[in-house]
Structure formats: C-alpha cells, structure tokens
PDB file of N, CA and C in Angstrom:
ATOM      1  N   UNK A   1      -7.180   3.240   1.231  1.00  0.00           N
ATOM      2  CA  UNK A   1      -6.153   3.588   0.287  1.00  0.00           C
ATOM      3  C   UNK A   1      -5.529   2.353  -0.357  1.00  0.00           C
ATOM      4  N   UNK A   2      -6.354   1.461  -0.881  1.00  0.00           N
ATOM      5  CA  UNK A   2      -5.814   0.288  -1.565  1.00  0.00           C
ATOM      6  C   UNK A   2      -5.205   0.665  -2.915  1.00  0.00           C
ATOM      7  N   UNK A   3      -4.398  -0.231  -3.453  1.00  0.00           N
ATOM      8  CA  UNK A   3      -3.858  -0.035  -4.794  1.00  0.00           C
ATOM      9  C   UNK A   3      -4.998  -0.154  -5.794  1.00  0.00           C
ATOM     10  N   UNK A   4      -4.982   0.692  -6.814  1.00  0.00           N
ATOM     11  CA  UNK A   4      -5.991   0.616  -7.862  1.00  0.00           C
ATOM     12  C   UNK A   4      -5.336   0.917  -9.205  1.00  0.00           C
ATOM     13  N   UNK A   5      -6.033   0.598 -10.284  1.00  0.00           N
ATOM     14  CA  UNK A   5      -5.464   0.739 -11.623  1.00  0.00           C
ATOM     15  C   UNK A   5      -5.170   2.179 -12.017  1.00  0.00           C
ATOM     16  N   UNK A   6      -5.826   3.147 -11.383  1.00  0.00           N
ATOM     17  CA  UNK A   6      -5.584   4.542 -11.746  1.00  0.00           C
ATOM     18  C   UNK A   6      -4.337   5.123 -11.075  1.00  0.00           C
ATOM     19  N   UNK A   7      -3.665   4.329 -10.276  1.00  0.00           N
ATOM     20  CA  UNK A   7      -2.415   4.747  -9.631  1.00  0.00           C
ATOM     21  C   UNK A   7      -1.266   4.163 -10.451  1.00  0.00           C
ATOM     22  N   UNK A   8      -0.851   4.913 -11.467  1.00  0.00           N
ATOM     23  CA  UNK A   8       0.035   4.393 -12.508  1.00  0.00           C
ATOM     24  C   UNK A   8       1.476   4.160 -12.073  1.00  0.00           C
ATOM     25  N   UNK A   9       1.967   4.952 -11.158  1.00  0.00           N
ATOM     26  CA  UNK A   9       3.376   4.860 -10.784  1.00  0.00           C
ATOM     27  C   UNK A   9       3.507   3.986  -9.545  1.00  0.00           C
ATOM     28  N   UNK A  10       4.242   2.878  -9.683  1.00  0.00           N
ATOM     29  CA  UNK A  10       4.380   1.895  -8.601  1.00  0.00           C
ATOM     30  C   UNK A  10       5.819   1.814  -8.129  1.00  0.00           C
ATOM     31  N   UNK A  11       5.964   1.630  -6.843  1.00  0.00           N
ATOM     32  CA  UNK A  11       7.273   1.417  -6.248  1.00  0.00           C
ATOM     33  C   UNK A  11       7.143   0.463  -5.079  1.00  0.00           C
ATOM     34  N   UNK A  12       8.222  -0.237  -4.793  1.00  0.00           N
ATOM     35  CA  UNK A  12       8.208  -1.202  -3.698  1.00  0.00           C
ATOM     36  C   UNK A  12       9.443  -0.993  -2.839  1.00  0.00           C
ATOM     37  N   UNK A  13       9.287  -1.256  -1.554  1.00  0.00           N
ATOM     38  CA  UNK A  13      10.415  -1.200  -0.624  1.00  0.00           C
ATOM     39  C   UNK A  13      10.296  -2.362   0.351  1.00  0.00           C
ATOM     40  N   UNK A  14      11.453  -2.875   0.749  1.00  0.00           N
ATOM     41  CA  UNK A  14      11.534  -3.992   1.690  1.00  0.00           C
ATOM     42  C   UNK A  14      12.504  -3.603   2.797  1.00  0.00           C
ATOM     43  N   UNK A  15      12.103  -3.814   4.034  1.00  0.00           N
ATOM     44  CA  UNK A  15      12.984  -3.545   5.167  1.00  0.00           C
ATOM     45  C   UNK A  15      13.952  -4.708   5.333  1.00  0.00           C
ATOM     46  N   UNK A  16      15.241  -4.407   5.316  1.00  0.00           N
ATOM     47  CA  UNK A  16      16.250  -5.449   5.503  1.00  0.00           C
ATOM     48  C   UNK A  16      16.291  -5.954   6.938  1.00  0.00           C
ATOM     49  N   UNK A  17      15.805  -5.149   7.877  1.00  0.00           N
ATOM     50  CA  UNK A  17      15.892  -5.550   9.279  1.00  0.00           C
ATOM     51  C   UNK A  17      14.749  -6.444   9.725  1.00  0.00           C
ATOM     52  N   UNK A  18      13.556  -6.236   9.177  1.00  0.00           N
ATOM     53  CA  UNK A  18      12.414  -7.013   9.677  1.00  0.00           C
ATOM     54  C   UNK A  18      11.637  -7.749   8.588  1.00  0.00           C
ATOM     55  N   UNK A  19      11.960  -7.504   7.327  1.00  0.00           N
ATOM     56  CA  UNK A  19      11.273  -8.184   6.233  1.00  0.00           C
ATOM     57  C   UNK A  19       9.946  -7.571   5.832  1.00  0.00           C
ATOM     58  N   UNK A  20       9.562  -6.470   6.449  1.00  0.00           N
ATOM     59  CA  UNK A  20       8.323  -5.794   6.067  1.00  0.00           C
ATOM     60  C   UNK A  20       8.413  -5.331   4.620  1.00  0.00           C
ATOM     61  N   UNK A  21       7.275  -5.336   3.927  1.00  0.00           N
ATOM     62  CA  UNK A  21       7.231  -4.879   2.544  1.00  0.00           C
ATOM     63  C   UNK A  21       6.099  -3.884   2.359  1.00  0.00           C
ATOM     64  N   UNK A  22       6.284  -3.002   1.395  1.00  0.00           N
ATOM     65  CA  UNK A  22       5.263  -2.020   1.067  1.00  0.00           C
ATOM     66  C   UNK A  22       5.335  -1.730  -0.422  1.00  0.00           C
ATOM     67  N   UNK A  23       4.199  -1.807  -1.073  1.00  0.00           N
ATOM     68  CA  UNK A  23       4.072  -1.386  -2.461  1.00  0.00           C
ATOM     69  C   UNK A  23       3.172  -0.167  -2.475  1.00  0.00           C
ATOM     70  N   UNK A  24       3.627   0.880  -3.135  1.00  0.00           N
ATOM     71  CA  UNK A  24       2.832   2.103  -3.233  1.00  0.00           C
ATOM     72  C   UNK A  24       2.458   2.334  -4.692  1.00  0.00           C
ATOM     73  N   UNK A  25       1.268   2.839  -4.899  1.00  0.00           N
ATOM     74  CA  UNK A  25       0.826   3.304  -6.205  1.00  0.00           C
ATOM     75  C   UNK A  25       0.514   4.781  -6.089  1.00  0.00           C
ATOM     76  N   UNK A  26       0.990   5.554  -7.057  1.00  0.00           N
ATOM     77  CA  UNK A  26       0.784   7.000  -7.018  1.00  0.00           C
ATOM     78  C   UNK A  26       0.190   7.491  -8.331  1.00  0.00           C
ATOM     79  N   UNK A  27      -0.598   8.534  -8.231  1.00  0.00           N
ATOM     80  CA  UNK A  27      -1.079   9.264  -9.402  1.00  0.00           C
ATOM     81  C   UNK A  27      -0.617  10.699  -9.209  1.00  0.00           C
ATOM     82  N   UNK A  28      -0.050  11.268 -10.266  1.00  0.00           N
ATOM     83  CA  UNK A  28       0.475  12.627 -10.190  1.00  0.00           C
ATOM     84  C   UNK A  28      -0.264  13.539 -11.165  1.00  0.00           C
ATOM     85  N   UNK A  29      -0.316  14.813 -10.809  1.00  0.00           N
ATOM     86  CA  UNK A  29      -0.920  15.793 -11.709  1.00  0.00           C
ATOM     87  C   UNK A  29       0.109  16.199 -12.767  1.00  0.00           C
ATOM     88  N   UNK A  30      -0.254  17.133 -13.630  1.00  0.00           N
ATOM     89  CA  UNK A  30       0.631  17.552 -14.719  1.00  0.00           C
ATOM     90  C   UNK A  30       1.914  18.215 -14.230  1.00  0.00           C
ATOM     91  N   UNK A  31       1.897  18.726 -13.014  1.00  0.00           N
ATOM     92  CA  UNK A  31       3.086  19.352 -12.438  1.00  0.00           C
ATOM     93  C   UNK A  31       3.970  18.346 -11.699  1.00  0.00           C
ATOM     94  N   UNK A  32       3.560  17.067 -11.676  1.00  0.00           N
ATOM     95  CA  UNK A  32       4.345  16.038 -11.005  1.00  0.00           C
ATOM     96  C   UNK A  32       4.090  15.926  -9.518  1.00  0.00           C
ATOM     97  N   UNK A  33       3.009  16.514  -9.047  1.00  0.00           N
ATOM     98  CA  UNK A  33       2.657  16.448  -7.624  1.00  0.00           C
ATOM     99  C   UNK A  33       1.672  15.317  -7.378  1.00  0.00           C
ATOM    100  N   UNK A  34       1.829  14.644  -6.258  1.00  0.00           N
ATOM    101  CA  UNK A  34       0.986  13.496  -5.919  1.00  0.00           C
ATOM    102  C   UNK A  34      -0.453  13.950  -5.707  1.00  0.00           C
ATOM    103  N   UNK A  35      -1.368  13.275  -6.407  1.00  0.00           N
ATOM    104  CA  UNK A  35      -2.793  13.559  -6.219  1.00  0.00           C
ATOM    105  C   UNK A  35      -3.591  12.302  -5.903  1.00  0.00           C
ATOM    106  N   UNK A  36      -2.920  11.157  -5.856  1.00  0.00           N
ATOM    107  CA  UNK A  36      -3.570   9.915  -5.469  1.00  0.00           C
ATOM    108  C   UNK A  36      -2.560   8.947  -4.891  1.00  0.00           C
ATOM    109  N   UNK A  37      -2.941   8.245  -3.818  1.00  0.00           N
ATOM    110  CA  UNK A  37      -2.047   7.308  -3.127  1.00  0.00           C
ATOM    111  C   UNK A  37      -2.813   6.039  -2.796  1.00  0.00           C
ATOM    112  N   UNK A  38      -2.187   4.903  -3.043  1.00  0.00           N
ATOM    113  CA  UNK A  38      -2.706   3.622  -2.593  1.00  0.00           C
ATOM    114  C   UNK A  38      -1.536   2.747  -2.186  1.00  0.00           C
ATOM    115  N   UNK A  39      -1.773   1.833  -1.261  1.00  0.00           N
ATOM    116  CA  UNK A  39      -0.679   0.989  -0.784  1.00  0.00           C
ATOM    117  C   UNK A  39      -1.146  -0.418  -0.473  1.00  0.00           C
ATOM    118  N   UNK A  40      -0.201  -1.326  -0.594  1.00  0.00           N
ATOM    119  CA  UNK A  40      -0.353  -2.682  -0.081  1.00  0.00           C
ATOM    120  C   UNK A  40       0.776  -2.846   0.924  1.00  0.00           C
ATOM    121  N   UNK A  41       0.418  -3.049   2.184  1.00  0.00           N
ATOM    122  CA  UNK A  41       1.400  -3.055   3.265  1.00  0.00           C
ATOM    123  C   UNK A  41       1.392  -4.398   3.974  1.00  0.00           C
ATOM    124  N   UNK A  42       2.579  -4.988   4.082  1.00  0.00           N
ATOM    125  CA  UNK A  42       2.766  -6.183   4.893  1.00  0.00           C
ATOM    126  C   UNK A  42       3.888  -5.843   5.869  1.00  0.00           C
ATOM    127  N   UNK A  43       3.492  -5.255   6.999  1.00  0.00           N
ATOM    128  CA  UNK A  43       4.489  -4.713   7.922  1.00  0.00           C
ATOM    129  C   UNK A  43       3.979  -4.791   9.354  1.00  0.00           C
ATOM    130  N   UNK A  44       4.905  -4.573  10.262  1.00  0.00           N
ATOM    131  CA  UNK A  44       4.578  -4.490  11.686  1.00  0.00           C
ATOM    132  C   UNK A  44       3.701  -3.262  11.934  1.00  0.00           C
ATOM    133  N   UNK A  45       3.251  -3.115  13.160  1.00  0.00           N
ATOM    134  CA  UNK A  45       2.397  -1.978  13.510  1.00  0.00           C
ATOM    135  C   UNK A  45       3.096  -0.644  13.249  1.00  0.00           C
ATOM    136  N   UNK A  46       4.395  -0.589  13.492  1.00  0.00           N
ATOM    137  CA  UNK A  46       5.143   0.643  13.253  1.00  0.00           C
ATOM    138  C   UNK A  46       5.171   0.961  11.759  1.00  0.00           C
ATOM    139  N   UNK A  47       5.406  -0.042  10.937  1.00  0.00           N
ATOM    140  CA  UNK A  47       5.397   0.156   9.490  1.00  0.00           C
ATOM    141  C   UNK A  47       4.030   0.562   8.975  1.00  0.00           C
ATOM    142  N   UNK A  48       2.986  -0.027   9.536  1.00  0.00           N
ATOM    143  CA  UNK A  48       1.628   0.341   9.140  1.00  0.00           C
ATOM    144  C   UNK A  48       1.313   1.779   9.548  1.00  0.00           C
ATOM    145  N   UNK A  49       1.730   2.163  10.741  1.00  0.00           N
ATOM    146  CA  UNK A  49       1.514   3.540  11.193  1.00  0.00           C
ATOM    147  C   UNK A  49       2.272   4.520  10.304  1.00  0.00           C
ATOM    148  N   UNK A  50       3.490   4.172   9.958  1.00  0.00           N
ATOM    149  CA  UNK A  50       4.286   5.018   9.084  1.00  0.00           C
ATOM    150  C   UNK A  50       3.617   5.174   7.719  1.00  0.00           C
ATOM    151  N   UNK A  51       3.057   4.092   7.199  1.00  0.00           N
ATOM    152  CA  UNK A  51       2.355   4.147   5.914  1.00  0.00           C
ATOM    153  C   UNK A  51       1.168   5.102   5.982  1.00  0.00           C
ATOM    154  N   UNK A  52       0.421   5.047   7.071  1.00  0.00           N
ATOM    155  CA  UNK A  52      -0.731   5.942   7.231  1.00  0.00           C
ATOM    156  C   UNK A  52      -0.278   7.399   7.330  1.00  0.00           C
ATOM    157  N   UNK A  53       0.805   7.638   8.048  1.00  0.00           N
ATOM    158  CA  UNK A  53       1.343   8.994   8.177  1.00  0.00           C
ATOM    159  C   UNK A  53       1.806   9.500   6.816  1.00  0.00           C
ATOM    160  N   UNK A  54       2.476   8.636   6.059  1.00  0.00           N
ATOM    161  CA  UNK A  54       2.902   9.021   4.713  1.00  0.00           C
ATOM    162  C   UNK A  54       1.700   9.404   3.859  1.00  0.00           C
ATOM    163  N   UNK A  55       0.698   8.538   3.834  1.00  0.00           N
ATOM    164  CA  UNK A  55      -0.472   8.769   2.988  1.00  0.00           C
ATOM    165  C   UNK A  55      -1.172  10.077   3.346  1.00  0.00           C
ATOM    166  N   UNK A  56      -1.265  10.376   4.622  1.00  0.00           N
ATOM    167  CA  UNK A  56      -1.924  11.612   5.052  1.00  0.00           C
ATOM    168  C   UNK A  56      -1.181  12.864   4.589  1.00  0.00           C
ATOM    169  N   UNK A  57       0.139  12.780   4.483  1.00  0.00           N
ATOM    170  CA  UNK A  57       0.923  13.965   4.141  1.00  0.00           C
ATOM    171  C   UNK A  57       1.418  14.036   2.716  1.00  0.00           C
ATOM    172  N   UNK A  58       1.176  13.010   1.911  1.00  0.00           N
ATOM    173  CA  UNK A  58       1.783  12.930   0.582  1.00  0.00           C
ATOM    174  C   UNK A  58       1.126  13.806  -0.478  1.00  0.00           C
ATOM    175  N   UNK A  59      -0.137  14.112  -0.308  1.00  0.00           N
ATOM    176  CA  UNK A  59      -0.849  14.855  -1.348  1.00  0.00           C
ATOM    177  C   UNK A  59      -0.218  16.224  -1.579  1.00  0.00           C
ATOM    178  N   UNK A  60       0.084  16.505  -2.833  1.00  0.00           N
ATOM    179  CA  UNK A  60       0.708  17.764  -3.206  1.00  0.00           C
ATOM    180  C   UNK A  60       2.222  17.718  -3.241  1.00  0.00           C
ATOM    181  N   UNK A  61       2.815  16.624  -2.774  1.00  0.00           N
ATOM    182  CA  UNK A  61       4.278  16.508  -2.760  1.00  0.00           C
ATOM    183  C   UNK A  61       4.793  16.095  -4.139  1.00  0.00           C
ATOM    184  N   UNK A  62       5.958  16.598  -4.487  1.00  0.00           N
ATOM    185  CA  UNK A  62       6.647  16.229  -5.724  1.00  0.00           C
ATOM    186  C   UNK A  62       7.813  15.301  -5.378  1.00  0.00           C
ATOM    187  N   UNK A  63       8.472  14.783  -6.403  1.00  0.00           N
ATOM    188  CA  UNK A  63       9.583  13.844  -6.200  1.00  0.00           C
ATOM    189  C   UNK A  63      10.656  14.429  -5.284  1.00  0.00           C
ATOM    190  N   UNK A  64      11.010  15.691  -5.483  1.00  0.00           N
ATOM    191  CA  UNK A  64      12.035  16.319  -4.641  1.00  0.00           C
ATOM    192  C   UNK A  64      11.593  16.406  -3.184  1.00  0.00           C
ATOM    193  N   UNK A  65      10.300  16.655  -2.971  1.00  0.00           N
ATOM    194  CA  UNK A  65       9.767  16.731  -1.608  1.00  0.00           C
ATOM    195  C   UNK A  65       9.866  15.378  -0.905  1.00  0.00           C
ATOM    196  N   UNK A  66       9.546  14.314  -1.633  1.00  0.00           N
ATOM    197  CA  UNK A  66       9.599  12.962  -1.061  1.00  0.00           C
ATOM    198  C   UNK A  66      11.042  12.590  -0.735  1.00  0.00           C
ATOM    199  N   UNK A  67      11.965  12.897  -1.647  1.00  0.00           N
ATOM    200  CA  UNK A  67      13.379  12.599  -1.405  1.00  0.00           C
ATOM    201  C   UNK A  67      13.890  13.362  -0.184  1.00  0.00           C
ATOM    202  N   UNK A  68      13.541  14.641  -0.089  1.00  0.00           N
ATOM    203  CA  UNK A  68      13.978  15.449   1.056  1.00  0.00           C
ATOM    204  C   UNK A  68      13.372  14.928   2.354  1.00  0.00           C
ATOM    205  N   UNK A  69      12.115  14.514   2.308  1.00  0.00           N
ATOM    206  CA  UNK A  69      11.465  13.977   3.505  1.00  0.00           C
ATOM    207  C   UNK A  69      12.119  12.673   3.941  1.00  0.00           C
ATOM    208  N   UNK A  70      12.416  11.795   2.984  1.00  0.00           N
ATOM    209  CA  UNK A  70      13.078  10.534   3.348  1.00  0.00           C
ATOM    210  C   UNK A  70      14.420  10.812   4.021  1.00  0.00           C
ATOM    211  N   UNK A  71      15.187  11.723   3.451  1.00  0.00           N
ATOM    212  CA  UNK A  71      16.487  12.068   4.029  1.00  0.00           C
ATOM    213  C   UNK A  71      16.331  12.667   5.429  1.00  0.00           C
ATOM    214  N   UNK A  72      15.340  13.541   5.600  1.00  0.00           N
ATOM    215  CA  UNK A  72      15.110  14.178   6.903  1.00  0.00           C
ATOM    216  C   UNK A  72      14.656  13.162   7.947  1.00  0.00           C
ATOM    217  N   UNK A  73      13.826  12.209   7.535  1.00  0.00           N
ATOM    218  CA  UNK A  73      13.353  11.180   8.472  1.00  0.00           C
ATOM    219  C   UNK A  73      14.499  10.250   8.855  1.00  0.00           C
ATOM    220  N   UNK A  74      15.335   9.882   7.883  1.00  0.00           N
ATOM    221  CA  UNK A  74      16.499   9.044   8.190  1.00  0.00           C
ATOM    222  C   UNK A  74      17.428   9.758   9.173  1.00  0.00           C
ATOM    223  N   UNK A  75      17.623  11.048   8.975  1.00  0.00           N
ATOM    224  CA  UNK A  75      18.454  11.832   9.892  1.00  0.00           C
ATOM    225  C   UNK A  75      17.825  11.880  11.283  1.00  0.00           C
ATOM    226  N   UNK A  76      16.522  12.070  11.346  1.00  0.00           N
ATOM    227  CA  UNK A  76      15.782  12.086  12.616  1.00  0.00           C
ATOM    228  C   UNK A  76      15.937  10.761  13.348  1.00  0.00           C
ATOM    229  N   UNK A  77      15.821   9.659  12.606  1.00  0.00           N
ATOM    230  CA  UNK A  77      15.965   8.338  13.218  1.00  0.00           C
ATOM    231  C   UNK A  77      17.368   8.134  13.783  1.00  0.00           C
ATOM    232  N   UNK A  78      18.343   8.815  13.192  1.00  0.00           N
ATOM    233  CA  UNK A  78      19.727   8.725  13.662  1.00  0.00           C
ATOM    234  C   UNK A  78      20.026   9.725  14.780  1.00  0.00           C
ATOM    235  N   UNK A  79      18.990  10.448  15.250  1.00  0.00           N
ATOM    236  CA  UNK A  79      19.174  11.371  16.359  1.00  0.00           C
ATOM    237  C   UNK A  79      19.062  12.836  16.000  1.00  0.00           C
ATOM    238  N   UNK A  80      18.744  13.139  14.741  1.00  0.00           N
ATOM    239  CA  UNK A  80      18.627  14.528  14.299  1.00  0.00           C
ATOM    240  C   UNK A  80      17.302  15.164  14.679  1.00  0.00           C
ATOM    241  N   UNK A  81      17.085  16.333  14.113  1.00  0.00           N
ATOM    242  CA  UNK A  81      15.880  17.110  14.393  1.00  0.00           C
ATOM    243  C   UNK A  81      14.634  16.454  13.805  1.00  0.00           C
ATOM    244  N   UNK A  82      13.496  16.761  14.406  1.00  0.00           N
ATOM    245  CA  UNK A  82      12.217  16.240  13.936  1.00  0.00           C
ATOM    246  C   UNK A  82      11.928  16.794  12.546  1.00  0.00           C
ATOM    247  N   UNK A  83      11.628  15.931  11.583  1.00  0.00           N
ATOM    248  CA  UNK A  83      11.323  16.401  10.229  1.00  0.00           C
ATOM    249  C   UNK A  83       9.965  17.096  10.176  1.00  0.00           C
ATOM    250  N   UNK A  84       9.728  17.815   9.103  1.00  0.00           N
ATOM    251  CA  UNK A  84       8.505  18.601   8.959  1.00  0.00           C
ATOM    252  C   UNK A  84       7.299  17.781   8.498  1.00  0.00           C
ATOM    253  N   UNK A  85       7.458  16.498   8.224  1.00  0.00           N
ATOM    254  CA  UNK A  85       6.337  15.700   7.715  1.00  0.00           C
ATOM    255  C   UNK A  85       5.208  15.670   8.745  1.00  0.00           C
ATOM    256  N   UNK A  86       3.996  16.021   8.341  1.00  0.00           N
ATOM    257  CA  UNK A  86       2.886  16.055   9.303  1.00  0.00           C
ATOM    258  C   UNK A  86       2.592  14.686   9.914  1.00  0.00           C
ATOM    259  N   UNK A  87       2.501  14.652  11.228  1.00  0.00           N
ATOM    260  CA  UNK A  87       2.145  13.432  11.945  1.00  0.00           C
ATOM    261  C   UNK A  87       3.302  12.541  12.334  1.00  0.00           C
ATOM    262  N   UNK A  88       4.509  12.848  11.886  1.00  0.00           N
ATOM    263  CA  UNK A  88       5.654  11.965  12.147  1.00  0.00           C
ATOM    264  C   UNK A  88       5.912  11.811  13.646  1.00  0.00           C
ATOM    265  N   UNK A  89       5.535  12.807  14.426  1.00  0.00           N
ATOM    266  CA  UNK A  89       5.755  12.732  15.874  1.00  0.00           C
ATOM    267  C   UNK A  89       4.966  11.592  16.516  1.00  0.00           C
ATOM    268  N   UNK A  90       3.950  11.096  15.834  1.00  0.00           N
ATOM    269  CA  UNK A  90       3.136  10.001  16.381  1.00  0.00           C
ATOM    270  C   UNK A  90       3.925   8.703  16.534  1.00  0.00           C
ATOM    271  N   UNK A  91       5.020   8.582  15.785  1.00  0.00           N
ATOM    272  CA  UNK A  91       5.837   7.364  15.885  1.00  0.00           C
ATOM    273  C   UNK A  91       7.209   7.657  16.489  1.00  0.00           C
ATOM    274  N   UNK A  92       7.325   8.769  17.204  1.00  0.00           N
ATOM    275  CA  UNK A  92       8.610   9.166  17.793  1.00  0.00           C
ATOM    276  C   UNK A  92       9.177   8.106  18.730  1.00  0.00           C
ATOM    277  N   UNK A  93       8.332   7.374  19.428  1.00  0.00           N
ATOM    278  CA  UNK A  93       8.826   6.353  20.361  1.00  0.00           C
ATOM    279  C   UNK A  93       9.621   5.261  19.643  1.00  0.00           C
ATOM    280  N   UNK A  94       9.353   5.047  18.369  1.00  0.00           N
ATOM    281  CA  UNK A  94      10.050   4.004  17.605  1.00  0.00           C
ATOM    282  C   UNK A  94      11.491   4.385  17.273  1.00  0.00           C
ATOM    283  N   UNK A  95      11.844   5.648  17.453  1.00  0.00           N
ATOM    284  CA  UNK A  95      13.233   6.063  17.206  1.00  0.00           C
ATOM    285  C   UNK A  95      14.203   5.261  18.059  1.00  0.00           C
ATOM    286  N   UNK A  96      13.780   4.874  19.243  1.00  0.00           N
ATOM    287  CA  UNK A  96      14.645   4.149  20.178  1.00  0.00           C
ATOM    288  C   UNK A  96      14.848   2.692  19.781  1.00  0.00           C
ATOM    289  N   UNK A  97      14.220   2.258  18.708  1.00  0.00           N
ATOM    290  CA  UNK A  97      14.280   0.860  18.273  1.00  0.00           C
ATOM    291  C   UNK A  97      14.815   0.777  16.844  1.00  0.00           C
ATOM    292  N   UNK A  98      16.141   0.724  16.686  1.00  0.00           N
ATOM    293  CA  UNK A  98      16.737   0.718  15.352  1.00  0.00           C
ATOM    294  C   UNK A  98      16.222  -0.393  14.438  1.00  0.00           C
ATOM    295  N   UNK A  99      15.782  -1.492  15.005  1.00  0.00           N
ATOM    296  CA  UNK A  99      15.235  -2.578  14.195  1.00  0.00           C
ATOM    297  C   UNK A  99      13.950  -2.203  13.482  1.00  0.00           C
ATOM    298  N   UNK A 100      13.323  -1.119  13.877  1.00  0.00           N
ATOM    299  CA  UNK A 100      12.078  -0.644  13.251  1.00  0.00           C
ATOM    300  C   UNK A 100      12.309   0.510  12.280  1.00  0.00           C
ATOM    301  N   UNK A 101      13.505   1.036  12.223  1.00  0.00           N
ATOM    302  CA  UNK A 101      13.775   2.175  11.357  1.00  0.00           C
ATOM    303  C   UNK A 101      13.507   1.859   9.888  1.00  0.00           C
ATOM    304  N   UNK A 102      13.862   0.671   9.452  1.00  0.00           N
ATOM    305  CA  UNK A 102      13.599   0.287   8.062  1.00  0.00           C
ATOM    306  C   UNK A 102      12.117   0.293   7.746  1.00  0.00           C
ATOM    307  N   UNK A 103      11.308  -0.185   8.677  1.00  0.00           N
ATOM    308  CA  UNK A 103       9.855  -0.203   8.476  1.00  0.00           C
ATOM    309  C   UNK A 103       9.297   1.212   8.426  1.00  0.00           C
ATOM    310  N   UNK A 104       9.849   2.106   9.224  1.00  0.00           N
ATOM    311  CA  UNK A 104       9.394   3.495   9.221  1.00  0.00           C
ATOM    312  C   UNK A 104       9.651   4.142   7.864  1.00  0.00           C
ATOM    313  N   UNK A 105      10.775   3.856   7.261  1.00  0.00           N
ATOM    314  CA  UNK A 105      11.157   4.489   5.996  1.00  0.00           C
ATOM    315  C   UNK A 105      10.498   3.872   4.763  1.00  0.00           C
ATOM    316  N   UNK A 106       9.847   2.731   4.914  1.00  0.00           N
ATOM    317  CA  UNK A 106       9.278   2.026   3.758  1.00  0.00           C
ATOM    318  C   UNK A 106       8.452   2.897   2.820  1.00  0.00           C
ATOM    319  N   UNK A 107       7.462   3.642   3.299  1.00  0.00           N
ATOM    320  CA  UNK A 107       6.623   4.365   2.340  1.00  0.00           C
ATOM    321  C   UNK A 107       7.380   5.430   1.553  1.00  0.00           C
ATOM    322  N   UNK A 108       8.320   6.115   2.183  1.00  0.00           N
ATOM    323  CA  UNK A 108       9.084   7.132   1.467  1.00  0.00           C
ATOM    324  C   UNK A 108      10.016   6.483   0.447  1.00  0.00           C
ATOM    325  N   UNK A 109      10.603   5.355   0.799  1.00  0.00           N
ATOM    326  CA  UNK A 109      11.475   4.651  -0.152  1.00  0.00           C
ATOM    327  C   UNK A 109      10.680   4.136  -1.346  1.00  0.00           C
ATOM    328  N   UNK A 110       9.513   3.573  -1.088  1.00  0.00           N
ATOM    329  CA  UNK A 110       8.675   3.067  -2.179  1.00  0.00           C
ATOM    330  C   UNK A 110       8.182   4.214  -3.053  1.00  0.00           C
ATOM    331  N   UNK A 111       7.781   5.314  -2.437  1.00  0.00           N
ATOM    332  CA  UNK A 111       7.304   6.470  -3.202  1.00  0.00           C
ATOM    333  C   UNK A 111       8.432   7.072  -4.032  1.00  0.00           C
ATOM    334  N   UNK A 112       9.611   7.115  -3.466  1.00  0.00           N
ATOM    335  CA  UNK A 112      10.764   7.634  -4.208  1.00  0.00           C
ATOM    336  C   UNK A 112      11.030   6.777  -5.440  1.00  0.00           C
ATOM    337  N   UNK A 113      10.926   5.463  -5.284  1.00  0.00           N
ATOM    338  CA  UNK A 113      11.108   4.560  -6.425  1.00  0.00           C
ATOM    339  C   UNK A 113      10.025   4.787  -7.475  1.00  0.00           C
ATOM    340  N   UNK A 114       8.787   4.931  -7.036  1.00  0.00           N
ATOM    341  CA  UNK A 114       7.680   5.158  -7.970  1.00  0.00           C
ATOM    342  C   UNK A 114       7.849   6.482  -8.705  1.00  0.00           C
ATOM    343  N   UNK A 115       8.190   7.520  -7.977  1.00  0.00           N
ATOM    344  CA  UNK A 115       8.322   8.838  -8.590  1.00  0.00           C
ATOM    345  C   UNK A 115       9.537   8.932  -9.498  1.00  0.00           C
ATOM    346  N   UNK A 116      10.565   8.139  -9.236  1.00  0.00           N
ATOM    347  CA  UNK A 116      11.718   8.146 -10.144  1.00  0.00           C
ATOM    348  C   UNK A 116      11.309   7.615 -11.511  1.00  0.00           C
ATOM    349  N   UNK A 117      10.367   6.681 -11.545  1.00  0.00           N
ATOM    350  CA  UNK A 117       9.840   6.180 -12.820  1.00  0.00           C
ATOM    351  C   UNK A 117       9.019   7.256 -13.515  1.00  0.00           C
ATOM    352  N   UNK A 118       8.232   7.996 -12.748  1.00  0.00           N
ATOM    353  CA  UNK A 118       7.400   9.060 -13.316  1.00  0.00           C
ATOM    354  C   UNK A 118       8.271  10.169 -13.898  1.00  0.00           C
ATOM    355  N   UNK A 119       9.319  10.559 -13.169  1.00  0.00           N
ATOM    356  CA  UNK A 119      10.214  11.614 -13.634  1.00  0.00           C
ATOM    357  C   UNK A 119      10.964  11.155 -14.876  1.00  0.00           C
ATOM    358  N   UNK A 120      11.432   9.905 -14.889  1.00  0.00           N
ATOM    359  CA  UNK A 120      12.153   9.374 -16.044  1.00  0.00           C
ATOM    360  C   UNK A 120      11.262   9.334 -17.284  1.00  0.00           C
ATOM    361  N   UNK A 121       9.997   9.017 -17.081  1.00  0.00           N
ATOM    362  CA  UNK A 121       9.048   8.935 -18.197  1.00  0.00           C
ATOM    363  C   UNK A 121       8.713  10.328 -18.715  1.00  0.00           C
ATOM    364  N   UNK A 122       8.722  11.305 -17.789  1.00  0.00           N
ATOM    365  CA  UNK A 122       8.466  12.691 -18.152  1.00  0.00           C
ATOM    366  C   UNK A 122       7.039  12.945 -18.339  1.00  0.00           C
TER     367      UNK A 122
END
C-alpha cells in the first residue's frame, strides 16, 4: 500500500508524543467513499500496526465515518468502549501506554485531513 499518483487526496499526521509520522494518500469514488489507500509510515511498531489496521478497514468509508472512528478510538484509548473498527482489538495492549496513543491515531488523523480536502473541493 505505497503512495502512488492515483491517490489524489493527501494528508499527514505527526504524533506529538513520539515523533512518528504518517502520510496517507486516498482515492475516493463519486460518492466520496474510499476506494484506494496508500501510506508512507515512519512510526514505531504500534503506529505501523495501526496503519495496517486502518488500511484494512478503510475501504468504503466516507469522511464522516473516518471522523467518527477517530473520535471512537480516542475515547477507547481514554478508557471507553471498544470501537467498531475491524481489527482494532489487535492493538488493545497499547491502550495501557499513553505515549503510544498518538501513534495509534495517526492514520485516522491523516485520513481526516486528506478527506477534508476532498470534501472542500467537492
């Protein structure tokens, strides 16, 4: 899932706690749903795992879905209920390490930034 030229919408996120970075490229269909994902990830193992989990579940999601997922994951990291994102339970052990929470959220934050550009462009 590398970045490629056909992934027109780009977003980047940086973790303030660990310095991990992630750039995402997305391609959306006419309804605004994700149909292509690519990433460049410079992150710890937790951030890399989170990126893979994001990529596996992102297809078919719209901007509102990504925003809701980011909010649900942030709530989960703060002790809330497990979010509905497929595969997120694979990184449940990282909840106990607040220094990794920023890395976990990277792909959703980057995708949200990318999709905000797509929505603004219309």
